[in-house]
C-alpha atoms as a PDB file:
ATOM      1  CA  UNK A   1       5.038 -17.545  69.174  1.00  0.00           C
ATOM      2  CA  UNK A   2       1.728 -18.744  69.893  1.00  0.00           C
ATOM      3  CA  UNK A   3      -0.758 -20.290  67.580  1.00  0.00           C
ATOM      4  CA  UNK A   4      -2.682 -17.078  67.621  1.00  0.00           C
ATOM      5  CA  UNK A   5       0.422 -15.001  66.819  1.00  0.00           C
ATOM      6  CA  UNK A   6       1.109 -17.391  63.960  1.00  0.00           C
ATOM      7  CA  UNK A   7      -2.481 -17.079  62.619  1.00  0.00           C
ATOM      8  CA  UNK A   8      -2.402 -13.200  62.904  1.00  0.00           C
ATOM      9  CA  UNK A   9       1.042 -13.298  60.801  1.00  0.00           C
ATOM     10  CA  UNK A  10      -0.303 -15.690  58.074  1.00  0.00           C
ATOM     11  CA  UNK A  11      -3.562 -13.358  58.248  1.00  0.00           C
ATOM     12  CA  UNK A  12      -1.507 -10.264  57.682  1.00  0.00           C
ATOM     13  CA  UNK A  13       0.642 -11.761  54.935  1.00  0.00           C
ATOM     14  CA  UNK A  14      -2.637 -12.968  53.306  1.00  0.00           C
ATOM     15  CA  UNK A  15      -4.078  -9.540  53.528  1.00  0.00           C
ATOM     16  CA  UNK A  16      -1.011  -8.026  52.133  1.00  0.00           C
ATOM     17  CA  UNK A  17      -1.051 -10.513  49.214  1.00  0.00           C
ATOM     18  CA  UNK A  18      -4.871  -9.450  48.783  1.00  0.00           C
ATOM     19  CA  UNK A  19      -3.984  -5.827  48.838  1.00  0.00           C
ATOM     20  CA  UNK A  20      -1.223  -6.407  46.288  1.00  0.00           C
ATOM     21  CA  UNK A  21      -3.292  -8.377  43.963  1.00  0.00           C
ATOM     22  CA  UNK A  22      -6.093  -5.660  44.120  1.00  0.00           C
ATOM     23  CA  UNK A  23      -3.444  -3.044  43.174  1.00  0.00           C
ATOM     24  CA  UNK A  24      -2.331  -5.275  40.411  1.00  0.00           C
ATOM     25  CA  UNK A  25      -5.849  -5.860  39.327  1.00  0.00           C
ATOM     26  CA  UNK A  26      -6.601  -2.149  39.319  1.00  0.00           C
ATOM     27  CA  UNK A  27      -3.238  -1.357  37.582  1.00  0.00           C
ATOM     28  CA  UNK A  28      -3.984  -3.992  34.778  1.00  0.00           C
ATOM     29  CA  UNK A  29      -7.515  -2.834  34.676  1.00  0.00           C
ATOM     30  CA  UNK A  30      -6.246   0.755  33.902  1.00  0.00           C
ATOM     31  CA  UNK A  31      -3.613  -0.532  31.491  1.00  0.00           C
ATOM     32  CA  UNK A  32      -6.432  -2.671  29.422  1.00  0.00           C
ATOM     33  CA  UNK A  33      -8.677   0.629  29.410  1.00  0.00           C
ATOM     34  CA  UNK A  34      -5.572   2.595  28.099  1.00  0.00           C
ATOM     35  CA  UNK A  35      -5.034  -0.107  25.530  1.00  0.00           C
ATOM     36  CA  UNK A  36      -8.436  -0.269  24.397  1.00  0.00           C
ATOM     37  CA  UNK A  37      -8.389   3.632  24.112  1.00  0.00           C
ATOM     38  CA  UNK A  38      -5.258   3.544  21.910  1.00  0.00           C
ATOM     39  CA  UNK A  39      -6.714   0.778  19.860  1.00  0.00           C
ATOM     40  CA  UNK A  40      -9.738   2.706  19.310  1.00  0.00           C
ATOM     41  CA  UNK A  41      -7.946   5.752  18.403  1.00  0.00           C
ATOM     42  CA  UNK A  42      -5.664   3.780  15.971  1.00  0.00           C
ATOM     43  CA  UNK A  43      -8.621   1.916  14.343  1.00  0.00           C
ATOM     44  CA  UNK A  44     -10.281   5.339  13.737  1.00  0.00           C
ATOM     45  CA  UNK A  45      -7.238   6.563  12.208  1.00  0.00           C
ATOM     46  CA  UNK A  46      -6.797   3.439   9.996  1.00  0.00           C
ATOM     47  CA  UNK A  47     -10.414   3.769   8.838  1.00  0.00           C
ATOM     48  CA  UNK A  48     -10.035   7.434   7.936  1.00  0.00           C
ATOM     49  CA  UNK A  49      -6.785   6.688   5.992  1.00  0.00           C
ATOM     50  CA  UNK A  50      -8.200   3.784   4.175  1.00  0.00           C
ATOM     51  CA  UNK A  51     -11.371   5.757   3.183  1.00  0.00           C
ATOM     52  CA  UNK A  52      -8.912   8.556   1.921  1.00  0.00           C
ATOM     53  CA  UNK A  53      -7.146   5.782   0.003  1.00  0.00           C
ATOM     54  CA  UNK A  54     -10.283   4.099  -1.211  1.00  0.00           C
ATOM     55  CA  UNK A  55     -11.516   7.477  -2.528  1.00  0.00           C
ATOM     56  CA  UNK A  56      -7.985   8.145  -4.388  1.00  0.00           C
ATOM     57  CA  UNK A  57      -8.209   4.538  -6.008  1.00  0.00           C
ATOM     58  CA  UNK A  58     -11.966   5.290  -7.112  1.00  0.00           C
ATOM     59  CA  UNK A  59     -10.913   8.705  -8.607  1.00  0.00           C
ATOM     60  CA  UNK A  60      -7.888   7.205 -10.372  1.00  0.00           C
ATOM     61  CA  UNK A  61     -10.101   4.324 -11.820  1.00  0.00           C
ATOM     62  CA  UNK A  62     -12.624   7.013 -12.865  1.00  0.00           C
ATOM     63  CA  UNK A  63     -10.180   9.718 -14.214  1.00  0.00           C
ATOM     64  CA  UNK A  64      -7.293   7.644 -15.664  1.00  0.00           C
ATOM     65  CA  UNK A  65      -7.931   3.886 -15.989  1.00  0.00           C
ATOM     66  CA  UNK A  66     -11.226   4.093 -17.483  1.00  0.00           C
ATOM     67  CA  UNK A  67     -10.477   7.011 -19.899  1.00  0.00           C
ATOM     68  CA  UNK A  68      -7.203   4.942 -21.097  1.00  0.00           C
ATOM     69  CA  UNK A  69      -9.378   1.967 -21.550  1.00  0.00           C
ATOM     70  CA  UNK A  70     -11.753   3.986 -23.751  1.00  0.00           C
ATOM     71  CA  UNK A  71      -8.742   5.362 -25.793  1.00  0.00           C
ATOM     72  CA  UNK A  72      -7.539   1.765 -26.386  1.00  0.00           C
ATOM     73  CA  UNK A  73     -11.131   0.688 -27.169  1.00  0.00           C
ATOM     74  CA  UNK A  74     -11.283   3.468 -29.613  1.00  0.00           C
ATOM     75  CA  UNK A  75      -7.813   2.817 -31.393  1.00  0.00           C
ATOM     76  CA  UNK A  76      -9.103  -0.877 -31.890  1.00  0.00           C
ATOM     77  CA  UNK A  77     -12.114   0.349 -33.616  1.00  0.00           C
ATOM     78  CA  UNK A  78      -9.706   2.334 -36.002  1.00  0.00           C
ATOM     79  CA  UNK A  79      -7.782  -0.866 -36.639  1.00  0.00           C
ATOM     80  CA  UNK A  80     -10.905  -2.666 -37.173  1.00  0.00           C
ATOM     81  CA  UNK A  81     -11.784  -0.026 -39.984  1.00  0.00           C
ATOM     82  CA  UNK A  82      -8.338  -0.156 -41.345  1.00  0.00           C
ATOM     83  CA  UNK A  83      -8.239  -4.013 -41.534  1.00  0.00           C
ATOM     84  CA  UNK A  84     -11.629  -3.799 -43.414  1.00  0.00           C
ATOM     85  CA  UNK A  85     -10.140  -1.281 -45.524  1.00  0.00           C
ATOM     86  CA  UNK A  86      -7.039  -3.483 -46.305  1.00  0.00           C
ATOM     87  CA  UNK A  87      -9.085  -6.586 -46.773  1.00  0.00           C
ATOM     88  CA  UNK A  88     -11.171  -4.639 -49.618  1.00  0.00           C
ATOM     89  CA  UNK A  89      -7.892  -3.657 -51.172  1.00  0.00           C
ATOM     90  CA  UNK A  90      -6.701  -7.089 -51.011  1.00  0.00           C
ATOM     91  CA  UNK A  91      -9.739  -8.352 -52.604  1.00  0.00           C
ATOM     92  CA  UNK A  92      -9.575  -5.688 -55.282  1.00  0.00           C
ATOM     93  CA  UNK A  93      -5.933  -6.826 -56.015  1.00  0.00           C
ATOM     94  CA  UNK A  94      -7.099 -10.528 -56.288  1.00  0.00           C
ATOM     95  CA  UNK A  95      -9.727  -9.631 -58.934  1.00  0.00           C
ATOM     96  CA  UNK A  96      -7.181  -7.704 -60.789  1.00  0.00           C
ATOM     97  CA  UNK A  97      -4.824 -10.627 -60.618  1.00  0.00           C
ATOM     98  CA  UNK A  98      -7.433 -12.808 -62.021  1.00  0.00           C
ATOM     99  CA  UNK A  99      -8.646 -10.527 -64.690  1.00  0.00           C
ATOM    100  CA  UNK A 100      -4.974 -10.143 -65.641  1.00  0.00           C
ATOM    101  CA  UNK A 101      -4.542 -13.941 -65.917  1.00  0.00           C
ATOM    102  CA  UNK A 102      -7.568 -14.214 -68.065  1.00  0.00           C
ATOM    103  CA  UNK A 103      -6.256 -11.370 -70.358  1.00  0.00           C
ATOM    104  CA  UNK A 104      -2.926 -13.095 -70.614  1.00  0.00           C
ATOM    105  CA  UNK A 105      -4.392 -16.283 -71.577  1.00  0.00           C
ATOM    106  CA  UNK A 106      -6.439 -14.597 -74.236  1.00  0.00           C
ATOM    107  CA  UNK A 107      -3.419 -12.830 -75.730  1.00  0.00           C
ATOM    108  CA  UNK A 108      -1.706 -16.034 -75.749  1.00  0.00           C
ATOM    109  CA  UNK A 109      -4.546 -17.728 -77.566  1.00  0.00           C
ATOM    110  CA  UNK A 110      -4.508 -14.666 -80.139  1.00  0.00           C
ATOM    111  CA  UNK A 111      -0.735 -15.292 -80.666  1.00  0.00           C
ATOM    112  CA  UNK A 112      -1.196 -18.768 -81.448  1.00  0.00           C
ATOM    113  CA  UNK A 113      -3.744 -18.155 -84.111  1.00  0.00           C
ATOM    114  CA  UNK A 114      -2.472 -17.730 -87.640  1.00  0.00           C
ATOM    115  CA  UNK A 115      -2.704 -14.287 -88.957  1.00  0.00           C
ATOM    116  CA  UNK A 116      -4.930 -14.094 -91.832  1.00  0.00           C
ATOM    117  CA  UNK A 117      -4.614 -11.464 -94.277  1.00  0.00           C
ATOM    118  CA  UNK A 118      -7.533  -9.702 -95.618  1.00  0.00           C
ATOM    119  CA  UNK A 119      -7.195  -8.568 -99.210  1.00  0.00           C
END
């Protein structure tokens, strides 16, 4: 084999490798384009699902959670009113006990005094 034949063989192999590389690059480019398309489709689907879920959460907050908080707050207002009533009753009870104590003391003093008969 002559030097020219060897060079032609090497050039043919290099050309084959170059063709194979171009084919691989084209295939890789097509696969990357397909992956990009798939990703874009999946991202759009995720955005749609996420938007729907966010809307559902907002509706739940508005229709359920906020109303439940309002109900609890109203219940606490009633408890506060009842506590005020209980405190008033407790104050009245303490006042009655103090008056009773004074009256008991007065009765005890009256019992200690000798009875004077009036004729």
